[in-house]
Amino acid sequence: MKSIMKYAFTCVALLIISISYANAQETAVEKNNPGLSIYLHPATLAFSGFTSMNLIYMTFEMPFNSYMGLIVKPSLWTNEYCSSCKYQTTAEWDDLAETNFVRFGSDLGLRFYPNGNNAGLYLQGQAGAFYIWKEGVANVKWLDVMGYAGWAVKSVPSVYLDLGAGCACIDKHCGFMFDINWGVGLVF
């Protein structure tokens, strides 16, 4: 599994280098460069209403220019175990759902808009580091490296949707991870 993580890290590093090279080639005057975008993830908030888990995700996009921006995605998960509740999470999460836990951390990445409009189609590479405090168990670290393709509309409200895949290591167990993000927010 270490080789998978090295491969994923190498792919993201090459993506970042490629994006940086493309950015260095930009000679036109920057245009359509909005300010900071702040997004909430409504699907995770809705999910929280049907389970014992509380999920809070945010995305901050800070554009460098019309082609590229820095992405910061902090998140917080909490779970209060309820043995009599009928709405526990799916089987994959049973080991977490049956305990009290807190997971917090952030992803950090770069978003590249090939059209140079700071909207529309984008590619994104990111890495994340999270810490899990789980009742009765040693604390666990979660590390991931992901690549995404998505679409962003910068209006009122601003919206983005992306699909991603990559590698995640939780404690000492690594594997493939798939992710979908939907953010709704404002541009300042």
N, C-alpha and C. Protein backbone atom coordinates (compact mmCIF):
# COMPACT_ATOMS: atom_id res chain seq x y z
N MET A 1 0.82 -1.20 0.00
CA MET A 1 0.00 0.00 0.00
C MET A 1 0.86 1.26 0.00
N LYS A 2 2.09 1.17 0.53
CA LYS A 2 2.96 2.34 0.51
C LYS A 2 3.26 2.74 -0.93
N SER A 3 3.39 1.75 -1.82
CA SER A 3 3.68 2.07 -3.22
C SER A 3 2.49 2.81 -3.85
N ILE A 4 1.26 2.48 -3.46
CA ILE A 4 0.09 3.18 -3.97
C ILE A 4 0.12 4.63 -3.53
N MET A 5 0.46 4.87 -2.26
CA MET A 5 0.52 6.23 -1.73
C MET A 5 1.62 7.02 -2.44
N LYS A 6 2.79 6.37 -2.68
CA LYS A 6 3.88 7.05 -3.38
C LYS A 6 3.46 7.39 -4.80
N TYR A 7 2.77 6.46 -5.48
CA TYR A 7 2.29 6.70 -6.83
C TYR A 7 1.29 7.86 -6.85
N ALA A 8 0.34 7.85 -5.92
CA ALA A 8 -0.65 8.93 -5.86
C ALA A 8 0.01 10.27 -5.58
N PHE A 9 0.97 10.28 -4.65
CA PHE A 9 1.69 11.51 -4.32
C PHE A 9 2.45 12.02 -5.54
N THR A 10 3.10 11.11 -6.28
CA THR A 10 3.84 11.49 -7.48
C THR A 10 2.91 12.09 -8.52
N CYS A 11 1.73 11.48 -8.71
CA CYS A 11 0.76 11.99 -9.67
C CYS A 11 0.30 13.40 -9.31
N VAL A 12 0.00 13.62 -8.03
CA VAL A 12 -0.44 14.96 -7.60
C VAL A 12 0.70 15.96 -7.74
N ALA A 13 1.93 15.54 -7.39
CA ALA A 13 3.08 16.44 -7.53
C ALA A 13 3.28 16.83 -9.00
N LEU A 14 3.17 15.86 -9.91
CA LEU A 14 3.31 16.16 -11.34
C LEU A 14 2.17 17.06 -11.83
N LEU A 15 0.96 16.85 -11.31
CA LEU A 15 -0.17 17.71 -11.66
C LEU A 15 0.10 19.15 -11.22
N ILE A 16 0.59 19.31 -10.01
CA ILE A 16 0.89 20.65 -9.49
C ILE A 16 1.99 21.31 -10.32
N ILE A 17 3.03 20.55 -10.67
CA ILE A 17 4.12 21.09 -11.50
C ILE A 17 3.58 21.50 -12.87
N SER A 18 2.74 20.65 -13.47
CA SER A 18 2.15 20.97 -14.78
C SER A 18 1.30 22.21 -14.73
N ILE A 19 0.49 22.32 -13.67
CA ILE A 19 -0.36 23.50 -13.51
C ILE A 19 0.50 24.74 -13.33
N SER A 20 1.57 24.62 -12.54
CA SER A 20 2.47 25.76 -12.32
C SER A 20 3.13 26.18 -13.63
N TYR A 21 3.53 25.21 -14.44
CA TYR A 21 4.15 25.52 -15.73
C TYR A 21 3.14 26.24 -16.63
N ALA A 22 1.92 25.73 -16.70
CA ALA A 22 0.89 26.38 -17.51
C ALA A 22 0.63 27.80 -17.02
N ASN A 23 0.64 27.97 -15.72
CA ASN A 23 0.42 29.30 -15.16
C ASN A 23 1.56 30.24 -15.53
N ALA A 24 2.79 29.72 -15.54
CA ALA A 24 3.94 30.55 -15.89
C ALA A 24 3.86 31.02 -17.34
N GLN A 25 3.16 30.27 -18.20
CA GLN A 25 3.03 30.62 -19.61
C GLN A 25 2.01 31.72 -19.85
N GLU A 26 1.21 32.02 -18.84
CA GLU A 26 0.16 33.03 -19.00
C GLU A 26 0.79 34.41 -19.12
N THR A 27 0.54 35.08 -20.24
CA THR A 27 1.07 36.42 -20.43
C THR A 27 -0.04 37.47 -20.58
N ALA A 28 -1.24 36.99 -20.79
CA ALA A 28 -2.36 37.93 -20.96
C ALA A 28 -2.68 38.60 -19.64
N VAL A 29 -3.34 39.73 -19.73
CA VAL A 29 -3.77 40.43 -18.52
C VAL A 29 -4.80 39.58 -17.80
N GLU A 30 -4.66 39.49 -16.48
CA GLU A 30 -5.62 38.69 -15.71
C GLU A 30 -7.00 39.31 -15.79
N LYS A 31 -7.99 38.42 -15.94
CA LYS A 31 -9.36 38.86 -16.03
C LYS A 31 -10.24 37.92 -15.24
N ASN A 32 -11.43 38.36 -14.97
CA ASN A 32 -12.39 37.53 -14.24
C ASN A 32 -11.76 36.91 -12.99
N ASN A 33 -11.09 37.69 -12.23
CA ASN A 33 -10.42 37.19 -11.04
C ASN A 33 -11.20 37.64 -9.81
N PRO A 34 -12.24 36.88 -9.44
CA PRO A 34 -13.01 37.28 -8.27
C PRO A 34 -12.18 37.11 -7.00
N GLY A 35 -12.70 37.61 -5.93
CA GLY A 35 -12.01 37.46 -4.66
C GLY A 35 -12.24 36.09 -4.05
N LEU A 36 -12.12 36.04 -2.78
CA LEU A 36 -12.27 34.81 -2.00
C LEU A 36 -13.67 34.23 -2.16
N SER A 37 -13.74 32.92 -2.43
CA SER A 37 -15.02 32.21 -2.48
C SER A 37 -15.11 31.33 -1.25
N ILE A 38 -16.25 31.36 -0.57
CA ILE A 38 -16.48 30.53 0.61
C ILE A 38 -17.72 29.69 0.35
N TYR A 39 -17.56 28.36 0.48
CA TYR A 39 -18.64 27.43 0.19
C TYR A 39 -18.95 26.56 1.41
N LEU A 40 -20.22 26.26 1.61
CA LEU A 40 -20.67 25.22 2.53
C LEU A 40 -21.08 24.01 1.69
N HIS A 41 -21.09 22.84 2.29
CA HIS A 41 -21.47 21.62 1.60
C HIS A 41 -22.82 21.15 2.13
N PRO A 42 -23.92 21.52 1.46
CA PRO A 42 -25.26 21.22 1.99
C PRO A 42 -25.58 19.73 2.09
N ALA A 43 -25.01 18.90 1.22
CA ALA A 43 -25.31 17.46 1.28
C ALA A 43 -24.82 16.84 2.58
N THR A 44 -23.66 17.28 3.05
CA THR A 44 -23.15 16.73 4.31
C THR A 44 -23.99 17.21 5.49
N LEU A 45 -24.48 18.44 5.41
CA LEU A 45 -25.35 18.93 6.48
C LEU A 45 -26.66 18.14 6.50
N ALA A 46 -27.19 17.82 5.32
CA ALA A 46 -28.41 17.02 5.24
C ALA A 46 -28.16 15.60 5.76
N PHE A 47 -27.03 15.01 5.41
CA PHE A 47 -26.66 13.68 5.88
C PHE A 47 -26.64 13.65 7.41
N SER A 48 -26.14 14.72 8.01
CA SER A 48 -26.06 14.81 9.46
C SER A 48 -27.43 14.71 10.12
N GLY A 49 -28.46 15.17 9.42
CA GLY A 49 -29.80 15.14 9.98
C GLY A 49 -30.40 13.74 10.04
N PHE A 50 -29.83 12.79 9.31
CA PHE A 50 -30.39 11.44 9.26
C PHE A 50 -29.51 10.39 9.94
N THR A 51 -28.40 10.80 10.52
CA THR A 51 -27.49 9.86 11.18
C THR A 51 -27.07 10.43 12.52
N SER A 52 -26.31 9.64 13.25
CA SER A 52 -25.78 10.13 14.52
C SER A 52 -24.50 10.94 14.30
N MET A 53 -24.03 11.00 13.04
CA MET A 53 -22.80 11.75 12.73
C MET A 53 -23.15 13.19 12.37
N ASN A 54 -22.32 14.11 12.82
CA ASN A 54 -22.42 15.51 12.43
C ASN A 54 -21.23 15.81 11.54
N LEU A 55 -21.50 16.30 10.33
CA LEU A 55 -20.44 16.58 9.36
C LEU A 55 -20.51 18.05 8.96
N ILE A 56 -19.40 18.73 9.10
CA ILE A 56 -19.32 20.12 8.67
C ILE A 56 -18.14 20.25 7.72
N TYR A 57 -18.43 20.61 6.48
CA TYR A 57 -17.40 20.82 5.46
C TYR A 57 -17.52 22.24 4.93
N MET A 58 -16.38 22.86 4.69
CA MET A 58 -16.32 24.17 4.04
C MET A 58 -15.22 24.11 2.99
N THR A 59 -15.33 24.96 2.00
CA THR A 59 -14.27 25.12 1.01
C THR A 59 -14.00 26.60 0.85
N PHE A 60 -12.72 26.96 0.92
CA PHE A 60 -12.27 28.32 0.67
C PHE A 60 -11.43 28.29 -0.61
N GLU A 61 -11.79 29.11 -1.59
CA GLU A 61 -11.01 29.21 -2.83
C GLU A 61 -10.44 30.63 -2.91
N MET A 62 -9.11 30.70 -2.94
CA MET A 62 -8.42 31.99 -3.01
C MET A 62 -7.67 32.06 -4.34
N PRO A 63 -8.21 32.75 -5.35
CA PRO A 63 -7.58 32.77 -6.67
C PRO A 63 -6.26 33.53 -6.68
N PHE A 64 -5.28 32.93 -7.37
CA PHE A 64 -4.01 33.62 -7.63
C PHE A 64 -4.16 34.49 -8.86
N ASN A 65 -4.90 33.97 -9.84
CA ASN A 65 -5.14 34.66 -11.11
C ASN A 65 -6.37 34.00 -11.74
N SER A 66 -6.62 34.26 -13.01
CA SER A 66 -7.82 33.73 -13.65
C SER A 66 -7.71 32.24 -13.99
N TYR A 67 -6.51 31.66 -13.84
CA TYR A 67 -6.31 30.25 -14.14
C TYR A 67 -6.21 29.35 -12.90
N MET A 68 -5.75 29.88 -11.79
CA MET A 68 -5.42 29.02 -10.67
C MET A 68 -5.78 29.65 -9.32
N GLY A 69 -6.16 28.78 -8.38
CA GLY A 69 -6.47 29.23 -7.04
C GLY A 69 -6.08 28.21 -5.99
N LEU A 70 -5.84 28.69 -4.81
CA LEU A 70 -5.53 27.85 -3.66
C LEU A 70 -6.85 27.38 -3.05
N ILE A 71 -6.93 26.09 -2.71
CA ILE A 71 -8.12 25.51 -2.10
C ILE A 71 -7.77 25.06 -0.69
N VAL A 72 -8.58 25.47 0.28
CA VAL A 72 -8.46 25.01 1.67
C VAL A 72 -9.84 24.46 2.05
N LYS A 73 -9.87 23.18 2.49
CA LYS A 73 -11.15 22.53 2.80
C LYS A 73 -11.13 21.95 4.22
N PRO A 74 -11.38 22.79 5.22
CA PRO A 74 -11.44 22.25 6.58
C PRO A 74 -12.73 21.46 6.80
N SER A 75 -12.65 20.47 7.67
CA SER A 75 -13.84 19.68 7.98
C SER A 75 -13.81 19.20 9.42
N LEU A 76 -15.00 18.94 9.94
CA LEU A 76 -15.16 18.44 11.30
C LEU A 76 -16.25 17.38 11.28
N TRP A 77 -15.95 16.20 11.80
CA TRP A 77 -16.94 15.13 11.98
C TRP A 77 -17.05 14.86 13.46
N THR A 78 -18.24 14.63 13.93
CA THR A 78 -18.44 14.18 15.31
C THR A 78 -19.50 13.08 15.31
N ASN A 79 -19.45 12.23 16.29
CA ASN A 79 -20.45 11.17 16.42
C ASN A 79 -20.71 10.95 17.90
N GLU A 80 -21.96 10.96 18.26
CA GLU A 80 -22.37 10.58 19.61
C GLU A 80 -23.10 9.27 19.48
N TYR A 81 -22.49 8.19 19.95
CA TYR A 81 -23.06 6.86 19.79
C TYR A 81 -24.38 6.74 20.53
N CYS A 82 -25.36 6.16 19.86
CA CYS A 82 -26.69 5.98 20.43
C CYS A 82 -27.10 4.54 20.16
N SER A 83 -26.98 3.68 21.14
CA SER A 83 -27.25 2.25 20.92
C SER A 83 -28.71 1.96 20.57
N SER A 84 -29.63 2.83 20.97
CA SER A 84 -31.04 2.58 20.68
C SER A 84 -31.51 3.27 19.39
N CYS A 85 -30.63 4.07 18.76
CA CYS A 85 -31.03 4.76 17.53
C CYS A 85 -31.15 3.79 16.37
N LYS A 86 -32.14 4.03 15.50
CA LYS A 86 -32.37 3.17 14.35
C LYS A 86 -31.74 3.73 13.08
N TYR A 87 -31.06 4.84 13.18
CA TYR A 87 -30.55 5.50 11.98
C TYR A 87 -29.04 5.60 12.00
N GLN A 88 -28.37 4.55 12.41
CA GLN A 88 -26.91 4.56 12.41
C GLN A 88 -26.40 4.57 10.97
N THR A 89 -25.11 4.79 10.82
CA THR A 89 -24.51 4.89 9.49
C THR A 89 -24.35 3.52 8.85
N THR A 90 -23.86 3.50 7.64
CA THR A 90 -23.71 2.26 6.87
C THR A 90 -22.64 1.36 7.47
N ALA A 91 -22.60 0.12 6.99
CA ALA A 91 -21.71 -0.91 7.54
C ALA A 91 -20.24 -0.49 7.46
N GLU A 92 -19.85 0.23 6.41
CA GLU A 92 -18.44 0.62 6.29
C GLU A 92 -17.98 1.48 7.46
N TRP A 93 -18.90 2.18 8.07
CA TRP A 93 -18.54 3.11 9.14
C TRP A 93 -18.88 2.55 10.53
N ASP A 94 -19.29 1.28 10.62
CA ASP A 94 -19.71 0.73 11.90
C ASP A 94 -18.66 0.87 12.99
N ASP A 95 -17.38 0.69 12.63
CA ASP A 95 -16.35 0.80 13.66
C ASP A 95 -16.29 2.20 14.24
N LEU A 96 -16.60 3.23 13.44
CA LEU A 96 -16.67 4.59 13.97
C LEU A 96 -18.03 4.89 14.57
N ALA A 97 -19.10 4.43 13.92
CA ALA A 97 -20.44 4.78 14.35
C ALA A 97 -20.78 4.20 15.72
N GLU A 98 -20.10 3.14 16.11
CA GLU A 98 -20.40 2.52 17.40
C GLU A 98 -19.55 3.07 18.54
N THR A 99 -18.92 4.21 18.33
CA THR A 99 -18.16 4.88 19.38
C THR A 99 -18.39 6.38 19.27
N ASN A 100 -18.00 7.08 20.31
CA ASN A 100 -17.95 8.53 20.22
C ASN A 100 -16.61 8.88 19.57
N PHE A 101 -16.61 9.79 18.61
CA PHE A 101 -15.36 10.19 17.99
C PHE A 101 -15.46 11.61 17.46
N VAL A 102 -14.29 12.20 17.21
CA VAL A 102 -14.18 13.51 16.57
C VAL A 102 -13.08 13.40 15.52
N ARG A 103 -13.36 13.86 14.32
CA ARG A 103 -12.36 13.89 13.24
C ARG A 103 -12.27 15.34 12.76
N PHE A 104 -11.05 15.89 12.77
CA PHE A 104 -10.87 17.25 12.29
C PHE A 104 -9.57 17.36 11.52
N GLY A 105 -9.53 18.31 10.61
CA GLY A 105 -8.34 18.54 9.79
C GLY A 105 -8.72 19.34 8.57
N SER A 106 -7.86 19.30 7.55
CA SER A 106 -8.11 20.08 6.36
C SER A 106 -7.39 19.48 5.16
N ASP A 107 -7.97 19.74 3.99
CA ASP A 107 -7.30 19.46 2.72
C ASP A 107 -6.72 20.77 2.22
N LEU A 108 -5.64 20.67 1.46
CA LEU A 108 -4.99 21.83 0.86
C LEU A 108 -4.65 21.46 -0.58
N GLY A 109 -5.02 22.31 -1.53
CA GLY A 109 -4.76 21.96 -2.92
C GLY A 109 -4.76 23.15 -3.85
N LEU A 110 -4.62 22.84 -5.14
CA LEU A 110 -4.64 23.84 -6.20
C LEU A 110 -5.73 23.49 -7.19
N ARG A 111 -6.48 24.50 -7.60
CA ARG A 111 -7.54 24.33 -8.60
C ARG A 111 -7.11 25.09 -9.85
N PHE A 112 -7.16 24.40 -11.00
CA PHE A 112 -6.72 24.96 -12.28
C PHE A 112 -7.90 25.02 -13.25
N TYR A 113 -8.17 26.23 -13.77
CA TYR A 113 -9.23 26.46 -14.77
C TYR A 113 -8.56 26.59 -16.14
N PRO A 114 -8.64 25.57 -17.01
CA PRO A 114 -7.97 25.63 -18.32
C PRO A 114 -8.44 26.78 -19.20
N ASN A 115 -9.70 27.22 -19.05
CA ASN A 115 -10.22 28.29 -19.90
C ASN A 115 -9.80 29.69 -19.45
N GLY A 116 -9.19 29.81 -18.28
CA GLY A 116 -8.72 31.12 -17.81
C GLY A 116 -9.80 32.06 -17.36
N ASN A 117 -11.00 31.56 -17.07
CA ASN A 117 -12.10 32.41 -16.64
C ASN A 117 -12.40 32.31 -15.15
N ASN A 118 -11.62 31.52 -14.42
CA ASN A 118 -11.85 31.30 -13.00
C ASN A 118 -13.25 30.78 -12.74
N ALA A 119 -13.78 30.04 -13.71
CA ALA A 119 -15.09 29.40 -13.61
C ALA A 119 -15.15 28.34 -14.70
N GLY A 120 -16.18 27.51 -14.65
CA GLY A 120 -16.32 26.45 -15.64
C GLY A 120 -15.55 25.21 -15.23
N LEU A 121 -15.06 24.47 -16.21
CA LEU A 121 -14.32 23.24 -15.98
C LEU A 121 -13.04 23.51 -15.20
N TYR A 122 -12.73 22.66 -14.23
CA TYR A 122 -11.46 22.77 -13.52
C TYR A 122 -10.91 21.40 -13.17
N LEU A 123 -9.60 21.37 -12.93
CA LEU A 123 -8.88 20.21 -12.42
C LEU A 123 -8.28 20.62 -11.09
N GLN A 124 -8.25 19.70 -10.16
CA GLN A 124 -7.78 20.04 -8.82
C GLN A 124 -6.98 18.88 -8.24
N GLY A 125 -5.86 19.20 -7.63
CA GLY A 125 -5.08 18.24 -6.87
C GLY A 125 -5.02 18.71 -5.43
N GLN A 126 -5.13 17.78 -4.48
CA GLN A 126 -5.09 18.19 -3.08
C GLN A 126 -4.59 17.05 -2.21
N ALA A 127 -4.11 17.43 -1.05
CA ALA A 127 -3.69 16.47 -0.02
C ALA A 127 -4.34 16.89 1.29
N GLY A 128 -4.68 15.91 2.11
CA GLY A 128 -5.35 16.21 3.37
C GLY A 128 -4.71 15.49 4.54
N ALA A 129 -4.82 16.11 5.68
CA ALA A 129 -4.34 15.52 6.93
C ALA A 129 -5.42 15.74 7.99
N PHE A 130 -5.81 14.65 8.65
CA PHE A 130 -6.88 14.69 9.63
C PHE A 130 -6.47 13.90 10.86
N TYR A 131 -7.05 14.25 11.96
CA TYR A 131 -6.78 13.60 13.23
C TYR A 131 -8.10 13.08 13.78
N ILE A 132 -8.12 11.82 14.20
CA ILE A 132 -9.34 11.22 14.73
C ILE A 132 -9.12 10.87 16.20
N TRP A 133 -9.94 11.44 17.06
CA TRP A 133 -9.97 11.05 18.47
C TRP A 133 -11.17 10.12 18.62
N LYS A 134 -10.88 8.89 19.00
CA LYS A 134 -11.92 7.87 19.11
C LYS A 134 -11.92 7.34 20.53
N GLU A 135 -13.07 7.36 21.16
CA GLU A 135 -13.20 6.95 22.56
C GLU A 135 -12.72 5.51 22.76
N GLY A 136 -11.84 5.33 23.74
CA GLY A 136 -11.37 3.99 24.10
C GLY A 136 -10.31 3.41 23.18
N VAL A 137 -9.85 4.17 22.19
CA VAL A 137 -8.86 3.67 21.24
C VAL A 137 -7.77 4.72 21.07
N ALA A 138 -6.57 4.26 20.73
CA ALA A 138 -5.49 5.21 20.46
C ALA A 138 -5.92 6.15 19.32
N ASN A 139 -5.45 7.36 19.37
CA ASN A 139 -5.81 8.34 18.35
C ASN A 139 -5.26 7.91 16.99
N VAL A 140 -5.97 8.28 15.93
CA VAL A 140 -5.69 7.80 14.59
C VAL A 140 -5.42 8.99 13.67
N LYS A 141 -4.53 8.81 12.72
CA LYS A 141 -4.26 9.84 11.71
C LYS A 141 -4.83 9.39 10.37
N TRP A 142 -5.37 10.33 9.62
CA TRP A 142 -5.96 10.09 8.30
C TRP A 142 -5.21 11.00 7.33
N LEU A 143 -4.58 10.42 6.31
CA LEU A 143 -3.88 11.18 5.28
C LEU A 143 -4.46 10.77 3.93
N ASP A 144 -4.66 11.73 3.03
CA ASP A 144 -5.15 11.39 1.70
C ASP A 144 -4.53 12.29 0.64
N VAL A 145 -4.48 11.76 -0.58
CA VAL A 145 -4.04 12.49 -1.77
C VAL A 145 -5.10 12.24 -2.83
N MET A 146 -5.67 13.32 -3.37
CA MET A 146 -6.81 13.19 -4.27
C MET A 146 -6.63 14.05 -5.53
N GLY A 147 -7.25 13.62 -6.61
CA GLY A 147 -7.35 14.41 -7.83
C GLY A 147 -8.83 14.56 -8.18
N TYR A 148 -9.24 15.74 -8.65
CA TYR A 148 -10.64 16.03 -8.93
C TYR A 148 -10.80 16.65 -10.32
N ALA A 149 -11.97 16.47 -10.89
CA ALA A 149 -12.42 17.21 -12.06
C ALA A 149 -13.80 17.74 -11.70
N GLY A 150 -14.05 19.00 -12.03
CA GLY A 150 -15.32 19.58 -11.63
C GLY A 150 -15.73 20.77 -12.47
N TRP A 151 -16.84 21.37 -12.06
CA TRP A 151 -17.42 22.53 -12.75
C TRP A 151 -17.81 23.55 -11.70
N ALA A 152 -17.45 24.82 -11.92
CA ALA A 152 -17.80 25.90 -11.00
C ALA A 152 -18.54 27.00 -11.73
N VAL A 153 -19.57 27.54 -11.08
CA VAL A 153 -20.33 28.68 -11.59
C VAL A 153 -20.19 29.79 -10.55
N LYS A 154 -19.62 30.91 -10.95
CA LYS A 154 -19.41 32.03 -10.03
C LYS A 154 -20.52 33.04 -10.25
N SER A 155 -21.54 32.97 -9.42
CA SER A 155 -22.67 33.90 -9.49
C SER A 155 -23.18 34.05 -8.06
N VAL A 156 -24.43 34.43 -7.90
CA VAL A 156 -25.01 34.52 -6.56
C VAL A 156 -26.18 33.56 -6.51
N PRO A 157 -26.11 32.45 -5.81
CA PRO A 157 -24.92 31.97 -5.10
C PRO A 157 -23.97 31.27 -6.07
N SER A 158 -22.71 31.14 -5.66
CA SER A 158 -21.72 30.38 -6.43
C SER A 158 -21.89 28.91 -6.09
N VAL A 159 -21.66 28.06 -7.09
CA VAL A 159 -21.86 26.63 -6.92
C VAL A 159 -20.70 25.89 -7.58
N TYR A 160 -20.28 24.79 -6.97
CA TYR A 160 -19.35 23.91 -7.67
C TYR A 160 -19.72 22.46 -7.37
N LEU A 161 -19.35 21.59 -8.31
CA LEU A 161 -19.58 20.16 -8.18
C LEU A 161 -18.36 19.46 -8.75
N ASP A 162 -17.80 18.51 -8.01
CA ASP A 162 -16.66 17.77 -8.55
C ASP A 162 -16.66 16.32 -8.12
N LEU A 163 -15.94 15.53 -8.88
CA LEU A 163 -15.74 14.11 -8.61
C LEU A 163 -14.25 13.88 -8.46
N GLY A 164 -13.87 13.07 -7.47
CA GLY A 164 -12.46 12.85 -7.24
C GLY A 164 -12.15 11.42 -6.87
N ALA A 165 -10.89 11.07 -7.04
CA ALA A 165 -10.40 9.75 -6.67
C ALA A 165 -8.97 9.90 -6.19
N GLY A 166 -8.56 8.99 -5.35
CA GLY A 166 -7.19 9.04 -4.84
C GLY A 166 -6.93 7.93 -3.85
N CYS A 167 -5.98 8.19 -2.99
CA CYS A 167 -5.55 7.20 -2.01
C CYS A 167 -5.66 7.80 -0.62
N ALA A 168 -6.16 7.02 0.31
CA ALA A 168 -6.27 7.47 1.71
C ALA A 168 -5.62 6.43 2.61
N CYS A 169 -4.94 6.92 3.62
CA CYS A 169 -4.35 6.05 4.63
C CYS A 169 -4.94 6.44 5.98
N ILE A 170 -5.64 5.49 6.58
CA ILE A 170 -6.22 5.71 7.90
C ILE A 170 -5.47 4.79 8.84
N ASP A 171 -4.77 5.41 9.78
CA ASP A 171 -3.85 4.70 10.65
C ASP A 171 -2.80 4.06 9.74
N LYS A 172 -2.72 2.76 9.68
CA LYS A 172 -1.71 2.12 8.82
C LYS A 172 -2.35 1.37 7.66
N HIS A 173 -3.62 1.63 7.39
CA HIS A 173 -4.34 0.95 6.33
C HIS A 173 -4.59 1.93 5.19
N CYS A 174 -4.08 1.59 4.00
CA CYS A 174 -4.23 2.47 2.84
C CYS A 174 -5.13 1.82 1.80
N GLY A 175 -5.83 2.65 1.05
CA GLY A 175 -6.69 2.14 0.01
C GLY A 175 -7.21 3.23 -0.89
N PHE A 176 -7.95 2.82 -1.92
CA PHE A 176 -8.55 3.71 -2.90
C PHE A 176 -9.71 4.46 -2.26
N MET A 177 -9.88 5.73 -2.63
CA MET A 177 -10.97 6.53 -2.10
C MET A 177 -11.63 7.28 -3.25
N PHE A 178 -12.95 7.37 -3.22
CA PHE A 178 -13.75 8.11 -4.19
C PHE A 178 -14.48 9.21 -3.45
N ASP A 179 -14.64 10.38 -4.06
CA ASP A 179 -15.25 11.50 -3.37
C ASP A 179 -16.09 12.33 -4.34
N ILE A 180 -17.19 12.87 -3.84
CA ILE A 180 -18.04 13.81 -4.57
C ILE A 180 -18.23 15.03 -3.68
N ASN A 181 -18.08 16.20 -4.23
CA ASN A 181 -18.28 17.44 -3.48
C ASN A 181 -19.26 18.34 -4.21
N TRP A 182 -20.14 18.93 -3.44
CA TRP A 182 -21.08 19.94 -3.94
C TRP A 182 -21.02 21.08 -2.96
N GLY A 183 -20.58 22.24 -3.43
CA GLY A 183 -20.49 23.41 -2.57
C GLY A 183 -21.36 24.54 -3.07
N VAL A 184 -21.97 25.25 -2.13
CA VAL A 184 -22.80 26.42 -2.43
C VAL A 184 -22.30 27.54 -1.55
N GLY A 185 -21.99 28.68 -2.16
CA GLY A 185 -21.43 29.76 -1.36
C GLY A 185 -21.47 31.11 -2.02
N LEU A 186 -20.61 31.99 -1.56
CA LEU A 186 -20.55 33.37 -2.02
C LEU A 186 -19.13 33.74 -2.41
N VAL A 187 -19.01 34.69 -3.32
CA VAL A 187 -17.72 35.24 -3.71
C VAL A 187 -17.61 36.62 -3.11
N PHE A 188 -16.50 36.90 -2.46
CA PHE A 188 -16.30 38.21 -1.82
C PHE A 188 -15.24 39.01 -2.56
